[in-house]
PDB file of all heavy atoms in Angstrom:
ATOM      1  N   THR A   1     -83.363  20.086  -5.537  1.00  0.00           N
ATOM      2  CA  THR A   1     -82.852  20.448  -6.857  1.00  0.00           C
ATOM      3  C   THR A   1     -82.736  19.295  -7.817  1.00  0.00           C
ATOM      4  O   THR A   1     -83.069  19.389  -8.989  1.00  0.00           O
ATOM      5  CB  THR A   1     -81.475  21.166  -6.745  1.00  0.00           C
ATOM      6  OG1 THR A   1     -81.556  22.286  -5.844  1.00  0.00           O
ATOM      7  CG2 THR A   1     -80.947  21.604  -8.078  1.00  0.00           C
ATOM      8  N   GLU A   2     -82.334  18.118  -7.263  1.00  0.00           N
ATOM      9  CA  GLU A   2     -82.427  16.926  -8.056  1.00  0.00           C
ATOM     10  C   GLU A   2     -83.790  16.727  -8.608  1.00  0.00           C
ATOM     11  O   GLU A   2     -84.018  16.528  -9.803  1.00  0.00           O
ATOM     12  CB  GLU A   2     -82.062  15.716  -7.215  1.00  0.00           C
ATOM     13  CG  GLU A   2     -80.624  15.575  -6.735  1.00  0.00           C
ATOM     14  CD  GLU A   2     -80.441  14.476  -5.674  1.00  0.00           C
ATOM     15  OE1 GLU A   2     -81.423  13.718  -5.457  1.00  0.00           O
ATOM     16  OE2 GLU A   2     -79.360  14.454  -5.117  1.00  0.00           O
ATOM     17  N   ARG A   3     -84.822  16.764  -7.763  1.00  0.00           N
ATOM     18  CA  ARG A   3     -86.181  16.477  -8.131  1.00  0.00           C
ATOM     19  C   ARG A   3     -86.653  17.516  -9.203  1.00  0.00           C
ATOM     20  O   ARG A   3     -87.334  17.096 -10.180  1.00  0.00           O
ATOM     21  CB  ARG A   3     -87.135  16.488  -6.924  1.00  0.00           C
ATOM     22  CG  ARG A   3     -86.892  15.307  -5.926  1.00  0.00           C
ATOM     23  CD  ARG A   3     -87.997  15.230  -4.979  1.00  0.00           C
ATOM     24  NE  ARG A   3     -88.075  16.410  -4.049  1.00  0.00           N
ATOM     25  CZ  ARG A   3     -87.418  16.510  -2.910  1.00  0.00           C
ATOM     26  NH1 ARG A   3     -86.565  15.567  -2.560  1.00  0.00           N
ATOM     27  NH2 ARG A   3     -87.540  17.551  -2.144  1.00  0.00           N
ATOM     28  N   GLN A   4     -86.320  18.740  -9.066  1.00  0.00           N
ATOM     29  CA  GLN A   4     -86.793  19.766  -9.928  1.00  0.00           C
ATOM     30  C   GLN A   4     -86.308  19.532 -11.367  1.00  0.00           C
ATOM     31  O   GLN A   4     -87.081  19.579 -12.364  1.00  0.00           O
ATOM     32  CB  GLN A   4     -86.388  21.125  -9.447  1.00  0.00           C
ATOM     33  CG  GLN A   4     -87.145  21.637  -8.215  1.00  0.00           C
ATOM     34  CD  GLN A   4     -86.485  22.836  -7.517  1.00  0.00           C
ATOM     35  OE1 GLN A   4     -85.449  23.340  -8.034  1.00  0.00           O
ATOM     36  NE2 GLN A   4     -87.078  23.258  -6.426  1.00  0.00           N
ATOM     37  N   PHE A   5     -85.001  19.284 -11.445  1.00  0.00           N
ATOM     38  CA  PHE A   5     -84.433  19.049 -12.822  1.00  0.00           C
ATOM     39  C   PHE A   5     -84.797  17.700 -13.370  1.00  0.00           C
ATOM     40  O   PHE A   5     -85.135  17.524 -14.576  1.00  0.00           O
ATOM     41  CB  PHE A   5     -82.917  19.239 -12.780  1.00  0.00           C
ATOM     42  CG  PHE A   5     -82.500  20.661 -12.739  1.00  0.00           C
ATOM     43  CD1 PHE A   5     -82.179  21.344 -11.563  1.00  0.00           C
ATOM     44  CD2 PHE A   5     -82.366  21.444 -13.976  1.00  0.00           C
ATOM     45  CE1 PHE A   5     -81.790  22.668 -11.534  1.00  0.00           C
ATOM     46  CE2 PHE A   5     -82.000  22.710 -13.966  1.00  0.00           C
ATOM     47  CZ  PHE A   5     -81.693  23.351 -12.749  1.00  0.00           C
ATOM     48  N   PHE A   6     -84.720  16.667 -12.534  1.00  0.00           N
ATOM     49  CA  PHE A   6     -85.040  15.355 -13.022  1.00  0.00           C
ATOM     50  C   PHE A   6     -86.552  15.311 -13.556  1.00  0.00           C
ATOM     51  O   PHE A   6     -86.824  14.669 -14.583  1.00  0.00           O
ATOM     52  CB  PHE A   6     -84.966  14.272 -11.873  1.00  0.00           C
ATOM     53  CG  PHE A   6     -83.526  13.883 -11.645  1.00  0.00           C
ATOM     54  CD1 PHE A   6     -82.440  14.726 -11.730  1.00  0.00           C
ATOM     55  CD2 PHE A   6     -83.288  12.593 -11.287  1.00  0.00           C
ATOM     56  CE1 PHE A   6     -81.142  14.336 -11.452  1.00  0.00           C
ATOM     57  CE2 PHE A   6     -82.005  12.158 -10.968  1.00  0.00           C
ATOM     58  CZ  PHE A   6     -80.894  13.018 -11.021  1.00  0.00           C
ATOM     59  N   ARG A   7     -87.380  16.020 -12.828  1.00  0.00           N
ATOM     60  CA  ARG A   7     -88.855  16.069 -13.227  1.00  0.00           C
ATOM     61  C   ARG A   7     -89.000  16.594 -14.633  1.00  0.00           C
ATOM     62  O   ARG A   7     -89.738  16.056 -15.458  1.00  0.00           O
ATOM     63  CB  ARG A   7     -89.555  16.860 -12.163  1.00  0.00           C
ATOM     64  CG  ARG A   7     -91.110  16.903 -12.396  1.00  0.00           C
ATOM     65  CD  ARG A   7     -91.796  17.793 -11.374  1.00  0.00           C
ATOM     66  NE  ARG A   7     -91.597  17.335  -9.994  1.00  0.00           N
ATOM     67  CZ  ARG A   7     -90.948  18.021  -9.070  1.00  0.00           C
ATOM     68  NH1 ARG A   7     -90.414  19.240  -9.357  1.00  0.00           N
ATOM     69  NH2 ARG A   7     -90.863  17.531  -7.846  1.00  0.00           N
ATOM     70  N   LEU A   8     -88.285  17.709 -14.923  1.00  0.00           N
ATOM     71  CA  LEU A   8     -88.510  18.327 -16.251  1.00  0.00           C
ATOM     72  C   LEU A   8     -87.863  17.455 -17.356  1.00  0.00           C
ATOM     73  O   LEU A   8     -88.464  17.326 -18.433  1.00  0.00           O
ATOM     74  CB  LEU A   8     -87.761  19.666 -16.224  1.00  0.00           C
ATOM     75  CG  LEU A   8     -88.566  20.811 -15.631  1.00  0.00           C
ATOM     76  CD1 LEU A   8     -87.773  22.098 -15.549  1.00  0.00           C
ATOM     77  CD2 LEU A   8     -89.877  21.063 -16.388  1.00  0.00           C
ATOM     78  N   VAL A   9     -86.727  16.923 -17.109  1.00  0.00           N
ATOM     79  CA  VAL A   9     -86.153  15.975 -18.125  1.00  0.00           C
ATOM     80  C   VAL A   9     -87.079  14.790 -18.346  1.00  0.00           C
ATOM     81  O   VAL A   9     -87.341  14.407 -19.529  1.00  0.00           O
ATOM     82  CB  VAL A   9     -84.764  15.490 -17.658  1.00  0.00           C
ATOM     83  CG1 VAL A   9     -84.214  14.432 -18.619  1.00  0.00           C
ATOM     84  CG2 VAL A   9     -83.823  16.666 -17.638  1.00  0.00           C
ATOM     85  N   GLY A  10     -87.537  14.120 -17.292  1.00  0.00           N
ATOM     86  CA  GLY A  10     -88.366  12.960 -17.476  1.00  0.00           C
ATOM     87  C   GLY A  10     -89.686  13.215 -18.130  1.00  0.00           C
ATOM     88  O   GLY A  10     -90.302  12.293 -18.778  1.00  0.00           O
ATOM     89  N   ALA A  11     -90.200  14.415 -17.972  1.00  0.00           N
ATOM     90  CA  ALA A  11     -91.512  14.789 -18.587  1.00  0.00           C
ATOM     91  C   ALA A  11     -91.455  15.305 -19.985  1.00  0.00           C
ATOM     92  O   ALA A  11     -92.450  15.630 -20.584  1.00  0.00           O
ATOM     93  CB  ALA A  11     -92.235  15.790 -17.684  1.00  0.00           C
ATOM     94  N   SER A  12     -90.215  15.426 -20.564  1.00  0.00           N
ATOM     95  CA  SER A  12     -90.091  16.113 -21.775  1.00  0.00           C
ATOM     96  C   SER A  12     -90.809  15.432 -22.927  1.00  0.00           C
ATOM     97  O   SER A  12     -91.593  16.080 -23.684  1.00  0.00           O
ATOM     98  CB  SER A  12     -88.565  16.373 -22.126  1.00  0.00           C
ATOM     99  OG  SER A  12     -87.883  15.125 -22.153  1.00  0.00           O
ATOM    100  N   ASN A  13     -90.565  14.112 -23.155  1.00  0.00           N
ATOM    101  CA  ASN A  13     -91.347  13.380 -24.103  1.00  0.00           C
ATOM    102  C   ASN A  13     -90.989  11.883 -23.995  1.00  0.00           C
ATOM    103  O   ASN A  13     -90.222  11.514 -23.070  1.00  0.00           O
ATOM    104  CB  ASN A  13     -91.203  13.880 -25.567  1.00  0.00           C
ATOM    105  CG  ASN A  13     -89.767  13.866 -26.073  1.00  0.00           C
ATOM    106  OD1 ASN A  13     -89.084  12.886 -25.984  1.00  0.00           O
ATOM    107  ND2 ASN A  13     -89.323  15.013 -26.590  1.00  0.00           N
ATOM    108  N   HIS A  14     -91.314  11.047 -24.942  1.00  0.00           N
ATOM    109  CA  HIS A  14     -91.117   9.647 -24.773  1.00  0.00           C
ATOM    110  C   HIS A  14     -90.287   9.001 -25.905  1.00  0.00           C
ATOM    111  O   HIS A  14     -90.518   7.830 -26.338  1.00  0.00           O
ATOM    112  CB  HIS A  14     -92.505   8.967 -24.779  1.00  0.00           C
ATOM    113  CG  HIS A  14     -93.374   9.385 -23.578  1.00  0.00           C
ATOM    114  ND1 HIS A  14     -93.167   8.969 -22.285  1.00  0.00           N
ATOM    115  CD2 HIS A  14     -94.392  10.254 -23.569  1.00  0.00           C
ATOM    116  CE1 HIS A  14     -94.063   9.561 -21.511  1.00  0.00           C
ATOM    117  NE2 HIS A  14     -94.741  10.350 -22.262  1.00  0.00           N
ATOM    118  N   ILE A  15     -89.285   9.692 -26.340  1.00  0.00           N
ATOM    119  CA  ILE A  15     -88.420   9.160 -27.371  1.00  0.00           C
ATOM    120  C   ILE A  15     -87.433   8.158 -26.859  1.00  0.00           C
ATOM    121  O   ILE A  15     -87.240   7.192 -27.451  1.00  0.00           O
ATOM    122  CB  ILE A  15     -87.704  10.360 -28.157  1.00  0.00           C
ATOM    123  CG1 ILE A  15     -88.766  11.214 -28.820  1.00  0.00           C
ATOM    124  CG2 ILE A  15     -86.707   9.775 -29.140  1.00  0.00           C
ATOM    125  CD1 ILE A  15     -88.113  12.424 -29.450  1.00  0.00           C
ATOM    126  N   ALA A  16     -86.841   8.512 -25.722  1.00  0.00           N
ATOM    127  CA  ALA A  16     -85.682   7.680 -25.244  1.00  0.00           C
ATOM    128  C   ALA A  16     -85.863   7.410 -23.732  1.00  0.00           C
ATOM    129  O   ALA A  16     -86.693   7.865 -23.044  1.00  0.00           O
ATOM    130  CB  ALA A  16     -84.412   8.484 -25.533  1.00  0.00           C
ATOM    131  N   GLN A  17     -84.853   6.626 -23.266  1.00  0.00           N
ATOM    132  CA  GLN A  17     -84.746   6.383 -21.839  1.00  0.00           C
ATOM    133  C   GLN A  17     -83.628   7.273 -21.351  1.00  0.00           C
ATOM    134  O   GLN A  17     -82.556   7.348 -21.914  1.00  0.00           O
ATOM    135  CB  GLN A  17     -84.389   4.917 -21.617  1.00  0.00           C
ATOM    136  CG  GLN A  17     -85.403   3.875 -22.040  1.00  0.00           C
ATOM    137  CD  GLN A  17     -84.914   2.482 -21.913  1.00  0.00           C
ATOM    138  OE1 GLN A  17     -83.744   2.276 -21.587  1.00  0.00           O
ATOM    139  NE2 GLN A  17     -85.793   1.511 -22.157  1.00  0.00           N
ATOM    140  N   PHE A  18     -83.882   7.886 -20.208  1.00  0.00           N
ATOM    141  CA  PHE A  18     -82.899   8.803 -19.596  1.00  0.00           C
ATOM    142  C   PHE A  18     -82.149   8.125 -18.394  1.00  0.00           C
ATOM    143  O   PHE A  18     -82.768   7.659 -17.501  1.00  0.00           O
ATOM    144  CB  PHE A  18     -83.613  10.049 -19.051  1.00  0.00           C
ATOM    145  CG  PHE A  18     -84.026  10.972 -20.147  1.00  0.00           C
ATOM    146  CD1 PHE A  18     -85.337  11.367 -20.131  1.00  0.00           C
ATOM    147  CD2 PHE A  18     -83.195  11.415 -21.112  1.00  0.00           C
ATOM    148  CE1 PHE A  18     -85.712  12.246 -21.120  1.00  0.00           C
ATOM    149  CE2 PHE A  18     -83.586  12.280 -22.077  1.00  0.00           C
ATOM    150  CZ  PHE A  18     -84.897  12.700 -22.084  1.00  0.00           C
ATOM    151  N   HIS A  19     -80.846   8.157 -18.533  1.00  0.00           N
ATOM    152  CA  HIS A  19     -79.990   7.860 -17.401  1.00  0.00           C
ATOM    153  C   HIS A  19     -79.350   9.139 -16.953  1.00  0.00           C
ATOM    154  O   HIS A  19     -78.500   9.687 -17.663  1.00  0.00           O
ATOM    155  CB  HIS A  19     -78.981   6.790 -17.828  1.00  0.00           C
ATOM    156  CG  HIS A  19     -79.491   5.549 -18.163  1.00  0.00           C
ATOM    157  ND1 HIS A  19     -79.323   4.370 -17.357  1.00  0.00           N
ATOM    158  CD2 HIS A  19     -80.248   5.013 -19.202  1.00  0.00           C
ATOM    159  CE1 HIS A  19     -79.851   3.320 -17.940  1.00  0.00           C
ATOM    160  NE2 HIS A  19     -80.424   3.698 -19.008  1.00  0.00           N
ATOM    161  N   ILE A  20     -79.760   9.728 -15.827  1.00  0.00           N
ATOM    162  CA  ILE A  20     -79.256  10.914 -15.341  1.00  0.00           C
ATOM    163  C   ILE A  20     -78.158  10.581 -14.303  1.00  0.00           C
ATOM    164  O   ILE A  20     -78.429   9.849 -13.351  1.00  0.00           O
ATOM    165  CB  ILE A  20     -80.323  11.871 -14.746  1.00  0.00           C
ATOM    166  CG1 ILE A  20     -81.330  12.148 -15.772  1.00  0.00           C
ATOM    167  CG2 ILE A  20     -79.727  13.138 -14.241  1.00  0.00           C
ATOM    168  CD1 ILE A  20     -82.438  13.063 -15.421  1.00  0.00           C
ATOM    169  N   HIS A  21     -76.985  11.163 -14.418  1.00  0.00           N
ATOM    170  CA  HIS A  21     -75.798  10.811 -13.574  1.00  0.00           C
ATOM    171  C   HIS A  21     -75.479  12.032 -12.736  1.00  0.00           C
ATOM    172  O   HIS A  21     -74.767  12.936 -13.171  1.00  0.00           O
ATOM    173  CB  HIS A  21     -74.649  10.461 -14.418  1.00  0.00           C
ATOM    174  CG  HIS A  21     -74.953   9.307 -15.376  1.00  0.00           C
ATOM    175  ND1 HIS A  21     -74.798   7.978 -14.971  1.00  0.00           N
ATOM    176  CD2 HIS A  21     -75.385   9.254 -16.624  1.00  0.00           C
ATOM    177  CE1 HIS A  21     -75.086   7.150 -16.000  1.00  0.00           C
ATOM    178  NE2 HIS A  21     -75.466   7.895 -17.054  1.00  0.00           N
ATOM    179  N   PRO A  22     -75.939  12.109 -11.468  1.00  0.00           N
ATOM    180  CA  PRO A  22     -75.573  13.222 -10.621  1.00  0.00           C
ATOM    181  C   PRO A  22     -74.165  13.176 -10.165  1.00  0.00           C
ATOM    182  O   PRO A  22     -73.647  12.053  -9.842  1.00  0.00           O
ATOM    183  CB  PRO A  22     -76.596  13.142  -9.485  1.00  0.00           C
ATOM    184  CG  PRO A  22     -76.946  11.690  -9.441  1.00  0.00           C
ATOM    185  CD  PRO A  22     -76.900  11.204 -10.813  1.00  0.00           C
ATOM    186  N   PHE A  23     -73.519  14.314 -10.091  1.00  0.00           N
ATOM    187  CA  PHE A  23     -72.188  14.399  -9.479  1.00  0.00           C
ATOM    188  C   PHE A  23     -72.026  15.765  -8.951  1.00  0.00           C
ATOM    189  O   PHE A  23     -72.861  16.636  -9.166  1.00  0.00           O
ATOM    190  CB  PHE A  23     -71.058  13.986 -10.451  1.00  0.00           C
ATOM    191  CG  PHE A  23     -70.926  14.999 -11.613  1.00  0.00           C
ATOM    192  CD1 PHE A  23     -69.767  15.789 -11.688  1.00  0.00           C
ATOM    193  CD2 PHE A  23     -71.773  15.041 -12.699  1.00  0.00           C
ATOM    194  CE1 PHE A  23     -69.566  16.654 -12.754  1.00  0.00           C
ATOM    195  CE2 PHE A  23     -71.636  15.933 -13.790  1.00  0.00           C
ATOM    196  CZ  PHE A  23     -70.476  16.721 -13.832  1.00  0.00           C
ATOM    197  N   THR A  24     -70.959  15.976  -8.133  1.00  0.00           N
ATOM    198  CA  THR A  24     -70.734  17.258  -7.546  1.00  0.00           C
ATOM    199  C   THR A  24     -69.215  17.598  -7.584  1.00  0.00           C
ATOM    200  O   THR A  24     -68.459  16.806  -8.175  1.00  0.00           O
ATOM    201  CB  THR A  24     -71.344  17.412  -6.136  1.00  0.00           C
ATOM    202  OG1 THR A  24     -71.339  18.771  -5.706  1.00  0.00           O
ATOM    203  CG2 THR A  24     -70.638  16.505  -5.170  1.00  0.00           C
ATOM    204  N   LEU A  25     -68.779  18.659  -6.912  1.00  0.00           N
ATOM    205  CA  LEU A  25     -67.409  19.023  -6.836  1.00  0.00           C
ATOM    206  C   LEU A  25     -66.916  18.826  -5.473  1.00  0.00           C
ATOM    207  O   LEU A  25     -67.534  19.142  -4.427  1.00  0.00           O
ATOM    208  CB  LEU A  25     -67.262  20.502  -7.238  1.00  0.00           C
ATOM    209  CG  LEU A  25     -67.770  20.944  -8.608  1.00  0.00           C
ATOM    210  CD1 LEU A  25     -67.648  22.425  -8.768  1.00  0.00           C
ATOM    211  CD2 LEU A  25     -67.044  20.124  -9.721  1.00  0.00           C
ATOM    212  N   ASP A  26     -65.709  18.246  -5.317  1.00  0.00           N
ATOM    213  CA  ASP A  26     -65.077  17.858  -4.025  1.00  0.00           C
ATOM    214  C   ASP A  26     -64.795  19.141  -3.183  1.00  0.00           C
ATOM    215  O   ASP A  26     -64.705  19.138  -1.965  1.00  0.00           O
ATOM    216  CB  ASP A  26     -63.847  17.080  -4.228  1.00  0.00           C
ATOM    217  CG  ASP A  26     -64.092  15.735  -4.820  1.00  0.00           C
ATOM    218  OD1 ASP A  26     -65.264  15.229  -4.707  1.00  0.00           O
ATOM    219  OD2 ASP A  26     -63.150  15.147  -5.405  1.00  0.00           O
TER     220      ASP A  26
END
């Protein structure tokens, strides 16, 4: 699931740099 969503965000375009911060629920 990380790869699926990260892939789409990273491929969207080249305007900015993305810092994606994964977290979950305890």
